[in-house]
Amino acid sequence: MSHAKNPELEKQIKQACELVHTAEKEIGKVVVGQHKMVNRLLIGLFTNGHILLEGVPGLAKTLTISTLANSLKLNFKRIQFTPDLLPADLIGTLIYNQQTSAFEVKKGPIFANIILADEINRSPAKVQSALLEAMQEKQVTIGEQSFKLDLPFLVLATQNPLEQEGTYPLPEAQVDRFMMKVYVQYPNFGEEKEIMRRMAYTGSRNEIHGILTKENIFTIRKLIDQIYLSDKLEDYILHLIFASRTPEQYKLPELKKYLAFGASPRASIALNLGAKCVAFMNGRDFVLPEDIKEIAQDVLNHRILLNYEAEADGFTSHLFIEKLLKTIPI
């Protein structure tokens, strides 16, 4: 089945793309560089996927997320995760009202469209499992009652590298719930000079205007659903995922000795959606192999778990995925 031209869809995609580029420019008024991080956060927003950012402190992870939230006309809440945080601090609790002699629900900060879970790996398992229900089911339970969360609902989490003091590793089941894990890099020389100039200034900061509304986001999601992904590219995605589980069947026996677990079916869903969104961001109504390769690292790096032997040999999941992308034919 070949891809039939759809001029109306192409036109709608072009219009929506212009709006997205305006939002990116708006974010650029505050955030210097970090184009990849902004791009991945927008992909998460448009495909309904939660994003995990990892990087050392001071790389503008929190600033970028709060700036993105300001460029959207959405409800935004920041939750600072600490070792003494309780599930009730996140989702809310029941409070006894003496006048009515009844318990009333006091909703927590999770009831917003965009949640910035700052330093998510600094809090214990109980809090993480409360967040997990919200991420997966788009609802939370307080007392006996379940409450639906307002849509769109997106968790954008930051974590410091695990070598840092006072961090708890996130459980695999939770990490798998994140559509992408993005490693945030240091800025380059020119970017850092611009950051230094902007931030070493005590006057008022640039104002950000809200560009994208809820309606825009739902419209863009509908457009992404209509983007064409060929049967061959669907197979390519599946071959990548299957090769991550049984590399020896794909002429990659040397990867087998390093592998603990391959990618789950969530990875194939995320690659499919993510590739369509990359095509959309590039103003196309069809997916190219490059779109899949562009996001493969971010979709797979937290889903492929390597063993101690890999750690001893300095073999990372990044190298593992690179091998897959070079070897698996399209």
Protein backbone atom coordinates (compact mmCIF):
# COMPACT_ATOMS: atom_id res chain seq x y z
CA MET A 1 0.00 0.00 0.00
CA SER A 2 1.66 3.24 -1.10
CA HIS A 3 1.14 6.66 0.42
CA ALA A 4 -1.61 8.68 -1.29
CA LYS A 5 -1.29 12.46 -1.31
CA ASN A 6 -3.68 14.36 0.92
CA PRO A 7 -3.36 18.11 0.19
CA GLU A 8 -5.84 19.07 2.95
CA LEU A 9 -3.90 17.18 5.62
CA GLU A 10 -0.60 18.66 4.34
CA LYS A 11 -2.06 22.16 4.62
CA GLN A 12 -3.33 21.56 8.19
CA ILE A 13 0.05 20.13 9.23
CA LYS A 14 1.89 23.16 7.78
CA GLN A 15 -0.40 25.55 9.69
CA ALA A 16 -0.04 23.63 12.96
CA CYS A 17 3.76 23.49 12.48
CA GLU A 18 3.93 27.27 12.20
CA LEU A 19 2.17 27.56 15.54
CA VAL A 20 4.62 25.08 17.11
CA HIS A 21 7.61 27.01 15.72
CA THR A 22 6.17 30.21 17.22
CA ALA A 23 5.98 28.44 20.60
CA GLU A 24 9.61 27.27 20.19
CA LYS A 25 10.71 30.86 19.48
CA GLU A 26 8.82 32.00 22.56
CA ILE A 27 10.65 29.42 24.69
CA GLY A 28 13.93 30.56 23.10
CA LYS A 29 13.39 34.02 24.64
CA VAL A 30 14.18 32.47 28.02
CA VAL A 31 16.02 29.21 27.34
CA VAL A 32 19.31 29.41 25.47
CA GLY A 33 20.11 26.45 23.20
CA GLN A 34 18.82 23.08 24.48
CA HIS A 35 16.83 22.67 21.22
CA LYS A 36 16.79 18.90 21.54
CA MET A 37 15.35 19.04 25.06
CA VAL A 38 12.60 21.48 23.96
CA ASN A 39 11.85 19.33 20.90
CA ARG A 40 11.51 16.16 23.00
CA LEU A 41 9.25 17.88 25.54
CA LEU A 42 6.96 19.01 22.71
CA ILE A 43 6.95 15.49 21.23
CA GLY A 44 5.84 14.21 24.65
CA LEU A 45 3.09 16.81 24.78
CA PHE A 46 1.79 16.03 21.28
CA THR A 47 1.89 12.24 21.69
CA ASN A 48 0.61 12.11 25.26
CA GLY A 49 3.88 10.65 26.53
CA HIS A 50 5.66 11.43 29.82
CA ILE A 51 9.29 12.57 29.55
CA LEU A 52 12.22 11.99 31.92
CA LEU A 53 15.15 14.41 31.73
CA GLU A 54 18.47 13.40 33.23
CA GLY A 55 21.42 15.70 33.72
CA VAL A 56 23.63 17.28 36.35
CA PRO A 57 22.15 20.25 38.28
CA GLY A 58 22.24 23.65 36.59
CA LEU A 59 21.45 22.67 32.99
CA ALA A 60 18.12 24.55 32.89
CA LYS A 61 15.94 21.42 33.03
CA THR A 62 13.48 23.03 35.45
CA LEU A 63 13.63 26.40 33.69
CA THR A 64 12.89 24.80 30.31
CA ILE A 65 9.87 22.88 31.59
CA SER A 66 8.36 25.88 33.40
CA THR A 67 9.00 28.08 30.32
CA LEU A 68 7.32 25.48 28.10
CA ALA A 69 4.35 25.45 30.47
CA ASN A 70 4.14 29.25 30.25
CA SER A 71 4.10 29.10 26.45
CA LEU A 72 1.09 26.78 26.70
CA LYS A 73 -2.20 28.03 28.06
CA LEU A 74 -2.30 25.18 30.56
CA ASN A 75 -2.34 24.57 34.28
CA PHE A 76 1.17 23.96 35.59
CA LYS A 77 2.43 22.68 38.95
CA ARG A 78 5.95 22.06 40.15
CA ILE A 79 6.50 19.39 42.79
CA GLN A 80 9.90 19.22 44.43
CA PHE A 81 10.58 15.59 45.33
CA THR A 82 12.40 15.13 48.65
CA PRO A 83 13.14 12.08 50.83
CA ASP A 84 10.36 13.07 53.29
CA LEU A 85 7.64 13.65 50.66
CA LEU A 86 4.44 11.65 51.30
CA PRO A 87 1.91 10.37 48.74
CA ALA A 88 -0.67 12.76 50.26
CA ASP A 89 1.61 15.73 49.44
CA LEU A 90 1.31 14.69 45.82
CA ILE A 91 -2.26 13.52 45.28
CA GLY A 92 -4.13 15.13 48.17
CA THR A 93 -5.82 13.83 51.28
CA LEU A 94 -9.06 13.63 53.28
CA ILE A 95 -9.57 16.42 55.80
CA TYR A 96 -12.13 16.26 58.61
CA ASN A 97 -14.60 19.15 58.56
CA GLN A 98 -15.93 19.80 62.08
CA GLN A 99 -18.95 21.82 60.88
CA THR A 100 -20.32 19.00 58.72
CA SER A 101 -18.75 16.15 60.75
CA ALA A 102 -17.57 14.62 57.48
CA PHE A 103 -14.33 14.06 55.62
CA GLU A 104 -13.70 16.32 52.63
CA VAL A 105 -11.24 15.81 49.82
CA LYS A 106 -8.40 18.28 49.54
CA LYS A 107 -6.83 17.77 46.12
CA GLY A 108 -3.05 17.82 45.75
CA PRO A 109 -0.82 19.47 43.14
CA ILE A 110 -1.12 16.45 40.79
CA PHE A 111 -4.41 17.99 39.58
CA ALA A 112 -2.84 20.10 36.83
CA ASN A 113 -2.16 19.63 33.09
CA ILE A 114 1.61 19.70 33.30
CA ILE A 115 3.44 18.37 36.33
CA LEU A 116 7.09 19.10 36.79
CA ALA A 117 8.33 16.28 39.03
CA ASP A 118 11.61 17.85 40.05
CA GLU A 119 14.40 15.47 41.12
CA ILE A 120 11.97 12.57 40.99
CA ASN A 121 14.58 10.06 42.16
CA ARG A 122 15.03 11.78 45.52
CA SER A 123 11.84 10.40 47.00
CA PRO A 124 10.95 6.91 48.25
CA ALA A 125 8.97 4.11 46.59
CA LYS A 126 5.54 4.98 48.10
CA VAL A 127 5.50 8.41 46.47
CA GLN A 128 6.70 6.96 43.18
CA SER A 129 3.90 4.40 43.11
CA ALA A 130 1.32 7.16 43.74
CA LEU A 131 2.75 9.04 40.76
CA LEU A 132 2.74 5.83 38.72
CA GLU A 133 -1.04 5.42 39.04
CA ALA A 134 -1.53 9.01 37.89
CA MET A 135 0.79 8.52 34.90
CA GLN A 136 -0.68 5.24 33.79
CA GLU A 137 -4.38 5.52 34.60
CA LYS A 138 -4.74 9.33 34.36
CA GLN A 139 -6.54 9.11 37.71
CA VAL A 140 -5.71 9.07 41.42
CA THR A 141 -7.33 7.47 44.45
CA ILE A 142 -7.92 9.48 47.62
CA GLY A 143 -9.51 7.45 50.40
CA GLU A 144 -12.16 5.29 48.72
CA GLN A 145 -12.74 7.58 45.75
CA SER A 146 -11.04 7.74 42.38
CA PHE A 147 -10.67 11.09 40.63
CA LYS A 148 -10.03 11.56 36.91
CA LEU A 149 -7.23 13.97 36.08
CA ASP A 150 -7.75 16.89 33.73
CA LEU A 151 -6.49 16.25 30.18
CA PRO A 152 -3.98 16.80 28.69
CA PHE A 153 -1.99 15.38 31.61
CA LEU A 154 1.75 15.15 31.29
CA VAL A 155 4.50 14.34 33.77
CA LEU A 156 7.81 15.96 32.87
CA ALA A 157 10.30 14.64 35.38
CA THR A 158 13.91 15.56 36.05
CA GLN A 159 16.45 13.40 37.78
CA ASN A 160 20.07 13.80 38.75
CA PRO A 161 22.53 11.10 37.69
CA LEU A 162 22.40 8.15 40.10
CA GLU A 163 25.97 8.68 41.28
CA GLN A 164 24.71 11.71 43.18
CA GLU A 165 24.16 11.75 46.92
CA GLY A 166 20.68 10.82 48.26
CA THR A 167 19.05 9.39 45.13
CA TYR A 168 16.79 6.33 44.91
CA PRO A 169 16.85 4.47 41.58
CA LEU A 170 13.40 4.54 39.93
CA PRO A 171 11.76 1.09 39.65
CA GLU A 172 11.98 -0.39 36.12
CA ALA A 173 8.17 -0.47 35.82
CA GLN A 174 8.03 3.26 36.39
CA VAL A 175 10.92 4.14 34.09
CA ASP A 176 9.16 2.16 31.34
CA ARG A 177 6.12 4.46 31.72
CA PHE A 178 8.20 7.36 30.41
CA MET A 179 7.95 7.60 26.66
CA MET A 180 11.47 9.00 26.43
CA LYS A 181 14.46 9.52 28.67
CA VAL A 182 16.51 12.45 27.45
CA TYR A 183 20.09 13.04 28.56
CA VAL A 184 20.62 16.78 28.90
CA GLN A 185 24.07 17.95 27.82
CA TYR A 186 26.16 20.96 28.79
CA PRO A 187 25.70 24.03 26.54
CA ASN A 188 28.41 24.83 23.97
CA PHE A 189 30.77 27.81 24.30
CA GLY A 190 28.57 30.31 22.45
CA GLU A 191 25.41 29.22 24.27
CA GLU A 192 27.06 29.45 27.66
CA LYS A 193 28.29 32.97 26.87
CA GLU A 194 24.70 33.96 26.04
CA ILE A 195 23.41 32.28 29.24
CA MET A 196 26.01 34.13 31.29
CA ARG A 197 25.04 37.47 29.74
CA ARG A 198 21.31 36.91 30.26
CA MET A 199 21.48 35.52 33.76
CA ALA A 200 24.12 37.94 35.12
CA TYR A 201 21.54 40.66 34.67
CA THR A 202 19.42 41.78 37.61
CA GLY A 203 16.68 43.54 35.60
CA SER A 204 13.36 41.95 34.64
CA ARG A 205 13.38 38.82 32.50
CA ASN A 206 11.72 38.36 29.11
CA GLU A 207 7.94 37.93 29.22
CA ILE A 208 6.57 34.72 27.72
CA HIS A 209 3.25 34.66 25.87
CA GLY A 210 0.92 31.66 25.89
CA ILE A 211 0.81 30.31 22.33
CA LEU A 212 -0.67 26.81 22.33
CA THR A 213 -4.09 26.16 23.87
CA LYS A 214 -5.62 22.82 24.90
CA GLU A 215 -7.62 22.86 21.66
CA ASN A 216 -4.41 23.30 19.61
CA ILE A 217 -2.81 20.35 21.39
CA PHE A 218 -5.80 18.05 20.79
CA THR A 219 -5.93 19.17 17.13
CA ILE A 220 -2.23 18.39 16.69
CA ARG A 221 -2.74 14.96 18.28
CA LYS A 222 -5.48 14.22 15.73
CA LEU A 223 -3.19 15.31 12.87
CA ILE A 224 -0.39 13.04 14.15
CA ASP A 225 -2.84 10.11 14.17
CA GLN A 226 -3.37 10.66 10.43
CA ILE A 227 0.33 10.61 9.52
CA TYR A 228 1.22 7.69 7.29
CA LEU A 229 3.61 5.01 8.54
CA SER A 230 4.27 2.33 5.91
CA ASP A 231 4.05 -1.38 6.58
CA LYS A 232 7.80 -1.71 5.92
CA LEU A 233 8.61 0.93 8.54
CA GLU A 234 6.30 -0.74 11.06
CA ASP A 235 8.32 -3.93 10.48
CA TYR A 236 11.57 -1.95 10.88
CA ILE A 237 10.40 -0.68 14.29
CA LEU A 238 9.54 -4.23 15.36
CA HIS A 239 12.88 -5.60 14.15
CA LEU A 240 14.68 -2.97 16.26
CA ILE A 241 12.67 -3.97 19.34
CA PHE A 242 13.02 -7.72 18.75
CA ALA A 243 16.77 -7.34 18.14
CA SER A 244 17.01 -5.62 21.53
CA ARG A 245 15.59 -8.79 23.12
CA THR A 246 17.33 -11.52 21.08
CA PRO A 247 20.33 -9.86 19.40
CA GLU A 248 21.83 -13.24 18.48
CA GLN A 249 18.96 -13.81 16.02
CA TYR A 250 19.93 -10.60 14.24
CA LYS A 251 23.60 -11.48 13.72
CA LEU A 252 24.60 -9.52 16.83
CA PRO A 253 25.79 -12.31 19.16
CA GLU A 254 28.33 -9.97 20.81
CA LEU A 255 25.44 -7.94 22.31
CA LYS A 256 23.87 -11.00 23.95
CA LYS A 257 26.50 -11.24 26.71
CA TYR A 258 25.78 -7.67 27.87
CA LEU A 259 21.99 -7.87 27.87
CA ALA A 260 19.82 -8.25 30.98
CA PHE A 261 16.44 -7.21 29.48
CA GLY A 262 15.36 -5.96 26.06
CA ALA A 263 12.76 -3.31 25.28
CA SER A 264 9.09 -3.88 26.17
CA PRO A 265 6.10 -3.51 23.80
CA ARG A 266 5.73 0.05 25.13
CA ALA A 267 8.91 0.83 23.18
CA SER A 268 7.37 -0.12 19.83
CA ILE A 269 4.32 2.04 20.58
CA ALA A 270 6.56 4.96 21.58
CA LEU A 271 8.73 4.61 18.45
CA ASN A 272 5.64 4.53 16.23
CA LEU A 273 4.06 7.62 17.82
CA GLY A 274 7.34 9.45 18.22
CA ALA A 275 8.36 8.94 14.58
CA LYS A 276 4.96 10.26 13.43
CA CYS A 277 5.45 13.31 15.63
CA VAL A 278 8.96 13.93 14.24
CA ALA A 279 7.45 13.77 10.72
CA PHE A 280 4.77 16.25 11.84
CA MET A 281 7.37 18.64 13.31
CA ASN A 282 9.14 18.53 9.95
CA GLY A 283 5.89 19.43 8.15
CA ARG A 284 5.37 16.01 6.51
CA ASP A 285 2.32 13.74 6.48
CA PHE A 286 4.40 10.56 6.16
CA VAL A 287 7.21 8.96 8.17
CA LEU A 288 10.76 8.45 6.86
CA PRO A 289 13.29 5.96 8.30
CA GLU A 290 15.31 8.94 9.62
CA ASP A 291 12.37 9.93 11.85
CA ILE A 292 12.55 6.58 13.62
CA LYS A 293 16.35 6.77 13.95
CA GLU A 294 16.16 10.33 15.27
CA ILE A 295 14.26 9.33 18.42
CA ALA A 296 15.40 5.71 18.82
CA GLN A 297 18.05 6.58 21.42
CA ASP A 298 15.66 8.56 23.63
CA VAL A 299 12.89 5.94 23.39
CA LEU A 300 15.14 2.93 24.01
CA ASN A 301 17.99 4.02 26.29
CA HIS A 302 16.02 3.49 29.53
CA ARG A 303 14.27 0.34 28.32
CA ILE A 304 17.33 -1.74 27.45
CA LEU A 305 18.89 -2.95 30.68
CA LEU A 306 22.47 -4.17 30.58
CA ASN A 307 24.22 -6.44 33.07
CA TYR A 308 27.28 -6.00 35.29
CA GLU A 309 29.57 -7.31 32.58
CA ALA A 310 28.54 -4.40 30.35
CA GLU A 311 29.27 -1.99 33.19
CA ALA A 312 32.70 -3.57 33.75
CA ASP A 313 33.53 -3.25 30.04
CA GLY A 314 32.17 0.32 29.86
CA PHE A 315 29.53 -0.79 27.35
CA THR A 316 26.49 1.52 27.57
CA SER A 317 22.91 1.23 26.32
CA HIS A 318 23.77 4.14 23.99
CA LEU A 319 26.39 1.96 22.25
CA PHE A 320 23.97 -0.99 22.23
CA ILE A 321 21.29 1.05 20.42
CA GLU A 322 23.87 2.48 17.99
CA LYS A 323 24.81 -1.09 17.05
CA LEU A 324 21.15 -1.95 16.44
CA LEU A 325 20.60 1.11 14.24
CA LYS A 326 23.72 0.35 12.18
CA THR A 327 22.97 -3.36 11.75
CA ILE A 328 19.19 -3.74 11.31
CA PRO A 329 18.35 -3.14 7.64
CA ILE A 330 15.39 -1.00 6.62
